[in-house]
N, C-alpha and C. Protein backbone atom coordinates (compact mmCIF):
# COMPACT_ATOMS: atom_id res chain seq x y z
N MET A 1 22.07 11.97 14.09
CA MET A 1 22.34 13.26 14.57
C MET A 1 21.03 14.04 14.22
N MET A 2 20.58 14.30 15.05
CA MET A 2 19.14 15.26 14.86
C MET A 2 19.34 17.17 14.89
N GLU A 3 19.25 17.20 13.54
CA GLU A 3 19.16 18.39 12.91
C GLU A 3 18.14 19.12 12.19
N ARG A 4 17.47 20.91 12.98
CA ARG A 4 16.57 21.22 12.69
C ARG A 4 16.70 21.67 10.89
N LEU A 5 15.67 21.34 10.45
CA LEU A 5 15.75 21.78 9.36
C LEU A 5 15.80 23.45 8.87
N LEU A 6 16.36 23.90 8.15
CA LEU A 6 16.37 25.34 7.70
C LEU A 6 15.96 25.61 6.72
N ARG A 7 15.95 27.28 6.26
CA ARG A 7 15.54 27.65 5.05
C ARG A 7 15.81 26.78 4.07
N ASP A 8 16.94 26.93 4.05
CA ASP A 8 17.28 26.52 2.51
C ASP A 8 16.71 25.03 2.03
N PHE A 9 16.17 23.82 2.95
CA PHE A 9 15.62 23.26 2.55
C PHE A 9 14.24 23.33 2.24
N TYR A 10 13.81 24.33 2.31
CA TYR A 10 12.20 24.77 2.14
C TYR A 10 12.33 25.51 0.95
N LEU A 11 13.18 25.98 0.09
CA LEU A 11 13.21 27.09 -0.78
C LEU A 11 14.11 26.07 -2.30
N ARG A 12 13.61 25.40 -2.20
CA ARG A 12 14.02 24.07 -3.02
C ARG A 12 12.70 23.89 -4.26
N ASP A 13 12.68 22.82 -5.00
CA ASP A 13 12.03 22.73 -5.66
C ASP A 13 10.74 22.17 -4.93
N THR A 14 9.41 22.73 -5.03
CA THR A 14 7.86 21.93 -4.32
C THR A 14 8.40 20.35 -4.04
N LEU A 15 8.66 19.83 -5.81
CA LEU A 15 8.10 18.53 -5.27
C LEU A 15 9.64 17.82 -4.98
N GLU A 16 10.64 18.09 -5.24
CA GLU A 16 11.77 17.89 -4.40
C GLU A 16 11.48 17.96 -2.93
N VAL A 17 11.53 18.85 -2.56
CA VAL A 17 10.74 19.07 -1.04
C VAL A 17 9.53 18.51 -0.29
N ALA A 18 8.99 17.89 -1.11
CA ALA A 18 7.59 17.32 -1.23
C ALA A 18 8.19 15.68 -0.91
N GLN A 19 9.45 15.48 -1.34
CA GLN A 19 9.29 13.82 -1.69
C GLN A 19 10.47 13.90 -0.31
N ASP A 20 11.41 14.74 -0.27
CA ASP A 20 12.40 14.89 1.18
C ASP A 20 12.04 15.12 2.35
N LEU A 21 10.54 15.20 2.06
CA LEU A 21 10.11 15.52 3.62
C LEU A 21 9.73 13.77 4.43
N LEU A 22 9.36 13.12 3.65
CA LEU A 22 9.18 11.95 3.89
C LEU A 22 10.68 11.46 4.98
N GLY A 23 9.91 11.08 5.93
CA GLY A 23 11.35 10.49 6.84
C GLY A 23 11.77 11.59 8.08
N LYS A 24 11.12 12.69 7.91
CA LYS A 24 11.12 14.06 8.30
C LYS A 24 10.70 13.65 10.05
N TYR A 25 10.82 14.33 10.48
CA TYR A 25 10.52 14.23 11.78
C TYR A 25 9.68 15.97 12.42
N ILE A 26 8.52 15.85 12.99
CA ILE A 26 8.12 17.33 13.44
C ILE A 26 7.50 17.01 14.50
N ILE A 27 8.53 18.15 15.32
CA ILE A 27 8.31 18.10 16.97
C ILE A 27 7.53 19.36 17.30
N ARG A 28 6.74 19.12 18.06
CA ARG A 28 5.86 19.69 18.63
C ARG A 28 5.90 19.83 20.02
N LYS A 29 6.48 21.32 20.42
CA LYS A 29 6.17 21.52 22.35
C LYS A 29 4.95 22.18 22.66
N THR A 30 4.56 21.65 23.56
CA THR A 30 3.24 21.99 24.08
C THR A 30 4.16 22.40 25.69
N PRO A 31 3.48 23.09 26.52
CA PRO A 31 3.08 23.46 27.98
C PRO A 31 2.94 21.99 28.71
N LYS A 32 2.48 21.22 28.24
CA LYS A 32 2.46 19.95 29.10
C LYS A 32 3.48 18.54 28.48
N GLY A 33 4.12 19.06 27.26
CA GLY A 33 4.99 17.96 27.10
C GLY A 33 4.96 17.85 25.44
N GLU A 34 5.65 17.36 24.94
CA GLU A 34 6.15 16.82 23.67
C GLU A 34 5.68 15.92 22.67
N ILE A 35 5.13 16.35 21.26
CA ILE A 35 4.66 15.61 20.19
C ILE A 35 5.64 15.51 19.12
N ILE A 36 5.69 14.00 18.77
CA ILE A 36 6.90 13.74 17.72
C ILE A 36 6.14 12.65 16.74
N GLY A 37 6.00 13.24 15.62
CA GLY A 37 5.57 12.51 14.41
C GLY A 37 6.50 12.32 13.33
N GLN A 38 6.90 11.38 12.76
CA GLN A 38 7.29 10.81 11.13
C GLN A 38 6.50 11.30 9.94
N ILE A 39 7.14 11.76 9.16
CA ILE A 39 5.97 12.11 8.21
C ILE A 39 6.38 11.10 6.95
N ILE A 40 5.03 10.68 6.98
CA ILE A 40 5.33 9.40 6.24
C ILE A 40 4.19 9.62 4.49
N GLU A 41 3.64 10.91 4.45
CA GLU A 41 2.62 11.01 2.85
C GLU A 41 2.44 12.87 3.10
N THR A 42 2.62 12.97 1.82
CA THR A 42 2.72 14.79 1.63
C THR A 42 2.09 14.64 0.12
N GLU A 43 1.71 15.97 -0.37
CA GLU A 43 1.03 16.11 -1.47
C GLU A 43 1.40 17.76 -1.81
N ALA A 44 2.18 17.39 -3.03
CA ALA A 44 2.47 19.41 -3.68
C ALA A 44 1.65 20.07 -4.18
N TYR A 45 1.62 21.03 -4.36
CA TYR A 45 0.77 21.73 -5.12
C TYR A 45 1.23 23.08 -5.81
N ILE A 46 1.70 23.48 -6.61
CA ILE A 46 2.25 24.32 -7.42
C ILE A 46 1.32 25.61 -8.49
N GLY A 47 0.97 26.45 -6.96
CA GLY A 47 0.22 27.33 -7.72
C GLY A 47 1.38 28.55 -8.18
N PRO A 48 0.56 29.57 -8.92
CA PRO A 48 -0.81 29.42 -10.06
C PRO A 48 -1.12 28.86 -10.81
N LYS A 49 0.19 28.21 -11.65
CA LYS A 49 -0.54 27.05 -12.82
C LYS A 49 -1.56 25.95 -12.50
N ASP A 50 -1.06 25.60 -11.21
CA ASP A 50 -1.84 24.14 -10.70
C ASP A 50 -3.48 24.61 -10.41
N LYS A 51 -4.09 24.05 -11.48
CA LYS A 51 -5.61 24.40 -10.63
C LYS A 51 -6.11 23.90 -9.61
N ALA A 52 -5.51 23.03 -8.77
CA ALA A 52 -5.61 22.07 -7.49
C ALA A 52 -5.64 23.00 -6.70
N SER A 53 -3.91 23.97 -6.80
CA SER A 53 -3.71 25.02 -5.57
C SER A 53 -4.77 26.00 -5.40
N HIS A 54 -4.64 26.60 -3.98
CA HIS A 54 -5.56 27.69 -3.62
C HIS A 54 -5.29 29.17 -4.33
N ALA A 55 -4.22 28.70 -4.51
CA ALA A 55 -3.33 30.21 -5.30
C ALA A 55 -3.44 30.09 -6.69
N TYR A 56 -4.50 29.56 -7.55
CA TYR A 56 -4.92 28.97 -8.86
C TYR A 56 -4.50 30.42 -9.14
N LEU A 57 -3.84 30.83 -10.63
CA LEU A 57 -3.79 32.00 -10.95
C LEU A 57 -3.31 33.12 -10.57
N GLY A 58 -2.56 32.97 -9.53
CA GLY A 58 -1.81 34.03 -8.33
C GLY A 58 -3.10 34.90 -7.88
N LYS A 59 -4.08 34.60 -7.20
CA LYS A 59 -5.21 35.41 -6.29
C LYS A 59 -4.71 34.80 -4.96
N ILE A 60 -4.67 35.99 -4.39
CA ILE A 60 -4.59 36.09 -3.17
C ILE A 60 -5.91 36.45 -2.33
N THR A 61 -5.78 35.56 -1.20
CA THR A 61 -6.97 36.03 -0.53
C THR A 61 -6.91 35.69 0.85
N LYS A 62 -7.59 36.26 1.79
CA LYS A 62 -7.34 36.25 3.76
C LYS A 62 -6.50 34.58 3.89
N ARG A 63 -7.28 33.88 3.17
CA ARG A 63 -7.09 32.07 3.66
C ARG A 63 -5.74 31.84 3.34
N ASN A 64 -5.41 32.39 1.33
CA ASN A 64 -4.43 31.93 1.11
C ASN A 64 -2.92 32.64 1.46
N LYS A 65 -3.00 33.53 2.71
CA LYS A 65 -2.13 34.24 2.06
C LYS A 65 -0.64 33.85 2.50
N ALA A 66 -0.59 33.15 3.47
CA ALA A 66 0.58 32.38 3.71
C ALA A 66 1.50 31.38 2.67
N GLU A 67 0.47 30.95 1.79
CA GLU A 67 1.01 30.47 0.70
C GLU A 67 2.13 31.30 0.08
N PHE A 68 1.76 32.28 -0.11
CA PHE A 68 2.96 33.22 -0.60
C PHE A 68 4.30 33.76 0.07
N LEU A 69 4.22 33.54 1.39
CA LEU A 69 5.35 33.41 2.00
C LEU A 69 6.51 32.61 2.07
N ILE A 70 8.05 32.87 2.08
CA ILE A 70 9.31 32.14 2.08
C ILE A 70 8.74 31.16 2.49
N GLY A 71 9.69 29.94 1.62
CA GLY A 71 9.30 28.60 2.03
C GLY A 71 9.54 28.55 3.77
N GLY A 72 8.73 27.56 4.23
CA GLY A 72 9.19 27.16 5.48
C GLY A 72 8.20 27.56 6.81
N HIS A 73 6.91 28.23 5.97
CA HIS A 73 5.74 28.50 6.73
C HIS A 73 4.49 27.79 6.94
N ILE A 74 4.19 27.86 7.69
CA ILE A 74 2.77 26.95 7.74
C ILE A 74 1.61 27.80 7.09
N TYR A 75 0.58 27.09 6.51
CA TYR A 75 -0.28 27.78 5.64
C TYR A 75 -1.37 26.21 6.05
N ILE A 76 -2.29 26.98 7.20
CA ILE A 76 -2.95 25.76 7.92
C ILE A 76 -4.53 26.73 7.37
N TYR A 77 -5.21 25.75 7.00
CA TYR A 77 -6.46 25.87 6.58
C TYR A 77 -7.95 25.02 7.75
N LEU A 78 -9.05 25.20 7.01
CA LEU A 78 -10.09 24.42 7.94
C LEU A 78 -10.88 23.92 6.51
N VAL A 79 -11.06 22.41 6.71
CA VAL A 79 -11.90 22.11 5.40
C VAL A 79 -13.31 21.14 6.14
N TYR A 80 -14.62 21.51 5.13
CA TYR A 80 -15.76 20.81 5.72
C TYR A 80 -16.34 21.39 7.39
N GLY A 81 -15.39 23.00 7.43
CA GLY A 81 -15.67 23.53 8.78
C GLY A 81 -15.58 22.53 9.89
N MET A 82 -14.97 21.63 9.81
CA MET A 82 -13.96 20.84 10.90
C MET A 82 -12.58 20.11 11.23
N TYR A 83 -11.83 20.19 10.01
CA TYR A 83 -10.59 19.61 9.87
C TYR A 83 -9.63 20.36 9.47
N TRP A 84 -8.95 20.20 10.15
CA TRP A 84 -7.03 21.44 10.14
C TRP A 84 -6.74 20.63 9.14
N GLN A 85 -6.63 21.39 8.19
CA GLN A 85 -5.17 20.70 6.68
C GLN A 85 -3.88 21.73 7.28
N PHE A 86 -2.96 20.76 7.11
CA PHE A 86 -1.14 21.71 7.35
C PHE A 86 -0.96 21.20 6.37
N ASN A 87 0.04 22.49 6.01
CA ASN A 87 0.82 22.95 4.83
C ASN A 87 2.03 23.64 5.29
N ILE A 88 3.32 23.52 4.08
CA ILE A 88 4.29 23.61 4.70
C ILE A 88 4.78 25.17 3.43
N SER A 89 4.74 26.23 2.98
CA SER A 89 5.02 26.66 2.05
C SER A 89 6.73 26.59 1.60
N THR A 90 6.69 26.25 0.40
CA THR A 90 7.71 26.28 -0.20
C THR A 90 8.33 27.64 -0.97
N ASN A 91 9.95 26.83 -1.61
CA ASN A 91 9.95 28.09 -2.60
C ASN A 91 10.42 30.01 -2.03
N LEU A 92 10.48 30.40 -3.42
CA LEU A 92 10.52 32.03 -2.55
C LEU A 92 9.59 32.74 -2.14
N GLU A 93 9.75 33.65 -1.70
CA GLU A 93 8.53 34.74 -1.05
C GLU A 93 8.02 34.93 -2.24
N GLY A 94 6.43 35.25 -2.34
CA GLY A 94 5.68 35.66 -3.68
C GLY A 94 5.49 34.25 -5.08
N LYS A 95 6.10 33.22 -4.39
CA LYS A 95 5.66 31.83 -5.24
C LYS A 95 5.26 30.97 -4.56
N PRO A 96 3.58 31.23 -4.63
CA PRO A 96 2.77 30.23 -4.02
C PRO A 96 2.84 28.66 -4.42
N GLU A 97 3.56 27.91 -3.00
CA GLU A 97 3.70 26.79 -3.68
C GLU A 97 3.67 26.10 -2.02
N CYS A 98 3.00 24.67 -2.26
CA CYS A 98 3.04 24.33 -0.76
C CYS A 98 3.07 22.95 -0.86
N VAL A 99 3.54 22.51 0.21
CA VAL A 99 3.20 20.99 0.71
C VAL A 99 2.07 20.39 1.53
N LEU A 100 1.26 19.70 1.50
CA LEU A 100 0.62 18.95 2.52
C LEU A 100 0.81 18.26 2.97
N ILE A 101 0.46 18.27 4.22
CA ILE A 101 1.11 17.01 5.49
C ILE A 101 -0.08 16.18 5.31
N ARG A 102 0.24 14.72 4.71
CA ARG A 102 -1.24 14.36 4.46
C ARG A 102 -1.42 13.47 5.65
N ALA A 103 0.06 12.59 6.17
CA ALA A 103 0.11 11.47 6.90
C ALA A 103 1.45 11.79 8.12
N LEU A 104 1.34 11.38 9.38
CA LEU A 104 2.83 10.76 9.91
C LEU A 104 2.42 9.51 10.83
N LYS A 105 3.66 9.15 10.99
CA LYS A 105 3.71 8.01 12.23
C LYS A 105 3.87 8.81 13.54
N PRO A 106 2.76 8.30 14.11
CA PRO A 106 3.15 8.86 15.53
C PRO A 106 4.33 7.79 16.29
N VAL A 107 5.08 9.06 17.30
CA VAL A 107 6.48 8.12 17.15
C VAL A 107 6.12 8.87 19.24
N LYS A 108 5.84 9.91 19.48
CA LYS A 108 6.02 10.52 21.05
C LYS A 108 4.85 11.61 21.02
N HIS A 109 3.78 11.04 21.55
CA HIS A 109 2.80 12.03 22.66
C HIS A 109 2.96 12.01 24.03
N PHE A 110 2.69 13.21 24.73
CA PHE A 110 2.91 13.57 26.14
C PHE A 110 1.73 13.07 27.05
N GLU A 111 0.53 12.73 26.11
CA GLU A 111 -0.64 11.49 26.69
C GLU A 111 -0.90 10.28 26.30
N LYS A 112 -0.56 10.44 25.40
CA LYS A 112 -0.93 8.62 24.85
C LYS A 112 0.16 7.59 24.52
N GLU A 113 0.01 6.46 25.45
CA GLU A 113 0.36 5.50 25.56
C GLU A 113 0.93 4.65 24.09
N ASN A 114 -0.17 4.61 23.58
CA ASN A 114 -0.87 3.68 22.29
C ASN A 114 -1.02 4.81 21.43
N LEU A 115 0.27 4.44 20.52
CA LEU A 115 0.80 5.21 19.27
C LEU A 115 0.96 4.47 17.88
N GLY A 116 -0.45 3.92 18.05
CA GLY A 116 -0.92 3.63 16.50
C GLY A 116 -0.77 4.49 15.31
N ILE A 117 -0.81 4.01 14.03
CA ILE A 117 -1.02 4.71 12.90
C ILE A 117 -1.83 5.43 12.64
N GLU A 118 -3.06 4.70 13.60
CA GLU A 118 -4.58 5.56 13.01
C GLU A 118 -4.80 6.91 13.73
N LEU A 119 -3.78 7.28 14.34
CA LEU A 119 -3.75 8.52 15.62
C LEU A 119 -3.77 10.01 14.41
N ALA A 120 -2.46 9.37 13.37
CA ALA A 120 -2.24 10.57 12.29
C ALA A 120 -1.93 10.05 11.09
N ASN A 121 -2.92 9.03 10.44
CA ASN A 121 -3.00 8.37 8.90
C ASN A 121 -3.94 9.29 8.38
N GLY A 122 -4.03 10.85 8.35
CA GLY A 122 -4.80 11.56 7.36
C GLY A 122 -5.03 13.07 7.90
N PRO A 123 -5.05 13.45 6.56
CA PRO A 123 -4.66 15.13 6.92
C PRO A 123 -5.08 15.79 7.98
N GLY A 124 -6.51 15.75 8.43
CA GLY A 124 -7.13 16.35 9.44
C GLY A 124 -7.04 15.03 10.88
N LYS A 125 -6.12 14.41 10.89
CA LYS A 125 -5.85 13.70 11.79
C LYS A 125 -4.15 14.04 12.59
N VAL A 126 -3.79 14.44 11.39
CA VAL A 126 -2.19 15.35 11.72
C VAL A 126 -2.48 16.37 12.47
N CYS A 127 -3.45 17.15 12.05
CA CYS A 127 -3.68 18.52 13.23
C CYS A 127 -4.33 18.14 14.28
N GLN A 128 -4.83 17.11 14.30
CA GLN A 128 -5.49 16.52 16.01
C GLN A 128 -4.11 16.04 16.83
N PHE A 129 -3.54 15.37 16.34
CA PHE A 129 -2.28 14.52 16.93
C PHE A 129 -1.40 15.31 17.10
N LEU A 130 -1.39 16.58 16.54
CA LEU A 130 0.10 17.94 16.77
C LEU A 130 -0.57 18.73 17.31
N GLN A 131 -1.80 19.09 17.58
CA GLN A 131 -2.31 19.88 18.62
C GLN A 131 -2.42 21.16 18.04
N ILE A 132 -2.78 20.88 16.81
CA ILE A 132 -2.68 22.70 16.05
C ILE A 132 -3.88 22.92 15.63
N ASP A 133 -3.75 24.30 14.90
CA ASP A 133 -5.22 25.28 14.87
C ASP A 133 -4.59 26.06 13.86
N LYS A 134 -5.66 27.22 13.38
CA LYS A 134 -5.62 28.61 13.11
C LYS A 134 -4.58 29.36 14.22
N ASP A 135 -4.51 28.92 15.04
CA ASP A 135 -3.40 29.74 16.29
C ASP A 135 -1.93 29.83 15.12
N PHE A 136 -1.47 28.22 14.40
CA PHE A 136 -0.10 28.32 14.05
C PHE A 136 -0.27 28.91 12.39
N TYR A 137 -1.31 29.67 11.97
CA TYR A 137 -1.17 29.95 10.74
C TYR A 137 -0.17 31.37 11.05
N GLY A 138 0.56 31.09 9.85
CA GLY A 138 2.00 31.68 9.43
C GLY A 138 2.85 31.55 10.22
N GLU A 139 3.57 30.45 11.03
CA GLU A 139 4.11 30.16 12.29
C GLU A 139 5.39 29.99 11.08
N ASP A 140 6.52 30.56 11.40
CA ASP A 140 7.76 30.31 10.55
C ASP A 140 8.66 28.87 11.23
N LEU A 141 8.28 27.59 10.74
CA LEU A 141 9.23 26.68 11.30
C LEU A 141 10.55 26.98 11.46
N VAL A 142 10.98 27.98 10.48
CA VAL A 142 12.87 27.42 11.20
C VAL A 142 12.87 28.51 11.97
N LYS A 143 12.27 29.50 12.67
CA LYS A 143 12.43 30.22 14.20
C LYS A 143 11.57 29.62 15.17
N SER A 144 10.39 29.48 15.00
CA SER A 144 9.56 28.64 15.94
C SER A 144 10.02 27.83 17.32
N LYS A 145 9.56 28.01 18.31
CA LYS A 145 10.08 27.51 19.53
C LYS A 145 9.11 26.41 20.11
N ARG A 146 7.89 26.33 19.00
CA ARG A 146 6.63 25.36 19.50
C ARG A 146 6.10 24.07 18.74
N ILE A 147 7.46 24.78 17.14
CA ILE A 147 6.82 23.72 16.13
C ILE A 147 8.06 23.77 15.43
N TYR A 148 8.62 22.55 14.98
CA TYR A 148 9.93 22.75 13.95
C TYR A 148 9.88 20.87 13.18
N LEU A 149 10.68 21.28 12.18
CA LEU A 149 10.88 19.97 11.30
C LEU A 149 12.63 19.89 11.91
N GLU A 150 12.74 18.03 12.19
CA GLU A 150 14.17 17.70 12.27
C GLU A 150 13.97 16.41 11.05
N ASP A 151 16.04 16.51 10.67
CA ASP A 151 16.40 15.23 10.37
C ASP A 151 17.06 14.21 11.12
N TRP A 152 16.58 13.58 11.50
CA TRP A 152 17.50 12.35 12.26
C TRP A 152 18.46 11.62 11.68
N GLY A 153 18.56 11.79 10.35
CA GLY A 153 19.84 10.87 9.42
C GLY A 153 19.53 9.82 9.33
N GLU A 154 18.23 9.90 8.98
CA GLU A 154 18.10 8.44 8.45
C GLU A 154 17.62 8.26 6.58
N LYS A 155 17.73 7.50 6.03
CA LYS A 155 17.89 7.76 4.63
C LYS A 155 16.77 6.82 4.20
N ILE A 156 16.43 7.25 3.47
CA ILE A 156 14.79 6.64 2.78
C ILE A 156 15.22 6.25 1.30
N ASN A 157 15.29 5.34 0.95
CA ASN A 157 15.54 4.55 -0.29
C ASN A 157 14.73 4.67 -1.19
N PRO A 158 14.98 5.41 -2.22
CA PRO A 158 14.10 5.77 -3.60
C PRO A 158 12.83 4.91 -3.99
N LYS A 159 13.37 3.60 -3.77
CA LYS A 159 12.51 2.65 -4.04
C LYS A 159 11.08 2.44 -3.31
N GLU A 160 11.57 2.78 -2.23
CA GLU A 160 10.41 2.83 -0.56
C GLU A 160 9.43 3.75 -0.83
N VAL A 161 9.44 4.74 -1.90
CA VAL A 161 8.49 5.68 -2.16
C VAL A 161 7.30 5.75 -3.45
N LEU A 162 6.57 6.01 -2.89
CA LEU A 162 5.54 5.85 -3.86
C LEU A 162 4.95 6.91 -4.47
N LYS A 163 4.55 7.24 -5.25
CA LYS A 163 4.86 8.45 -6.39
C LYS A 163 3.09 8.05 -6.82
N THR A 164 1.97 8.70 -6.58
CA THR A 164 0.37 8.88 -7.17
C THR A 164 0.16 9.76 -7.86
N ARG A 165 -1.37 10.15 -7.91
CA ARG A 165 -2.18 10.99 -7.66
C ARG A 165 -2.89 11.51 -6.95
N ARG A 166 -2.83 12.87 -6.47
CA ARG A 166 -3.48 13.63 -5.95
C ARG A 166 -4.83 13.40 -5.44
N ILE A 167 -5.38 13.30 -3.79
CA ILE A 167 -6.26 12.53 -3.62
C ILE A 167 -7.48 14.06 -3.39
N GLY A 168 -8.81 13.33 -3.94
CA GLY A 168 -9.46 14.38 -3.84
C GLY A 168 -9.55 15.86 -4.90
N ILE A 169 -9.35 15.69 -5.66
CA ILE A 169 -9.19 17.03 -6.73
C ILE A 169 -9.24 16.54 -8.00
N ASP A 170 -10.61 15.90 -8.21
CA ASP A 170 -10.80 15.74 -9.54
C ASP A 170 -11.61 17.14 -10.36
N TYR A 171 -12.35 18.19 -9.22
CA TYR A 171 -12.37 19.32 -10.00
C TYR A 171 -11.78 20.19 -11.03
N ALA A 172 -9.63 19.83 -9.93
CA ALA A 172 -9.03 20.29 -10.97
C ALA A 172 -9.03 19.95 -12.68
N GLY A 173 -9.85 19.03 -12.88
CA GLY A 173 -9.63 18.59 -14.45
C GLY A 173 -8.64 17.22 -14.24
N LYS A 174 -8.72 16.74 -15.60
CA LYS A 174 -7.90 15.60 -15.70
C LYS A 174 -6.76 15.73 -16.09
N TYR A 175 -6.17 17.13 -16.24
CA TYR A 175 -4.67 17.25 -16.67
C TYR A 175 -4.25 17.29 -15.10
N TRP A 176 -4.46 18.04 -14.11
CA TRP A 176 -3.97 18.48 -12.69
C TRP A 176 -4.21 17.18 -11.84
N ALA A 177 -5.43 16.63 -11.96
CA ALA A 177 -5.87 15.84 -11.25
C ALA A 177 -4.95 14.14 -11.03
N SER A 178 -4.21 14.34 -12.80
CA SER A 178 -3.39 12.93 -12.53
C SER A 178 -1.87 13.05 -12.51
N ARG A 179 -1.71 14.15 -12.08
CA ARG A 179 -0.33 14.92 -11.72
C ARG A 179 -0.12 13.82 -10.48
N LYS A 180 1.05 13.15 -10.77
CA LYS A 180 1.43 12.15 -9.53
C LYS A 180 2.25 12.97 -8.57
N TRP A 181 1.89 13.53 -8.05
CA TRP A 181 2.29 14.65 -6.76
C TRP A 181 1.84 14.19 -5.51
N ARG A 182 1.46 13.25 -5.19
CA ARG A 182 1.50 12.82 -3.68
C ARG A 182 2.75 11.52 -3.49
N PHE A 183 3.08 12.11 -2.33
CA PHE A 183 4.62 11.25 -2.24
C PHE A 183 4.15 9.96 -0.65
N LEU A 184 4.65 8.83 -1.04
CA LEU A 184 4.23 8.08 0.40
C LEU A 184 5.32 7.00 0.72
N LEU A 185 5.68 6.70 1.93
CA LEU A 185 6.22 5.31 1.84
C LEU A 185 5.55 4.46 1.90
N LYS A 186 5.97 3.33 1.09
CA LYS A 186 4.84 2.30 0.20
C LYS A 186 4.97 1.28 1.87
N SER A 187 5.46 0.86 2.53
CA SER A 187 5.37 0.13 3.87
C SER A 187 4.01 0.51 4.24
N PHE A 188 3.49 1.81 4.19
CA PHE A 188 2.31 2.29 5.04
C PHE A 188 1.15 2.53 3.90
N TYR A 189 1.12 2.18 2.93
CA TYR A 189 0.26 2.45 1.99
C TYR A 189 -1.40 1.92 2.20
N ASP A 190 -0.88 0.79 2.94
CA ASP A 190 -2.71 0.40 2.98
C ASP A 190 -3.19 0.93 4.65
N LYS A 191 -2.39 1.53 5.21
CA LYS A 191 -3.04 1.99 6.18
C LYS A 191 -2.73 3.89 6.67
N LEU A 192 -3.04 4.14 5.41
CA LEU A 192 -3.39 5.53 4.96
C LEU A 192 -4.79 6.33 5.20
N LYS A 193 -4.95 6.95 5.16
CA LYS A 193 -6.56 7.47 4.63
C LYS A 193 -6.53 7.42 3.53
N LYS A 194 -7.69 7.48 2.24
CA LYS A 194 -8.14 7.85 1.18
C LYS A 194 -8.88 8.93 0.67
N VAL A 195 -8.89 9.77 1.62
CA VAL A 195 -9.56 10.77 1.59
C VAL A 195 -8.84 12.11 1.51
């Protein structure tokens, strides 16, 4: 049974949400057709104590204010001036925590026949595949008609979930860089981007 994820799903502990997002489906509605991808890799960010978080020490900026929204909102930002990164706010309003969607297994795309993993096997590719950008900043996944998440009733075996260090955050120091807050499905490990 396909069920849309509601607010309660996102209001839980961020590390739990990051793991439970594995296997869920992102549904993207466009005027031209539908795009669907199954989440296979995530990373958790627990600001303001997390030195790798944009909300470290609780600072609020124009860029990160969506991180402070109640769980279930999109926090999207640009890196290297060219790649959008799709995050979902978690927990309570005013508590800046989020989950980065690092990779998807393509399921459906209205204009593509070849749905190989390489279409969405890294954070920048996720946004390209879903055709989302800054226009989705602050979008409420619980209420939106153009993008939302669904549970299709598939159960992920905990033994299939790999927990590793997050990628590209050495600047945060050894303690935070060593937190195993990256979650992925083992069967896709060799096909995922390491950047």
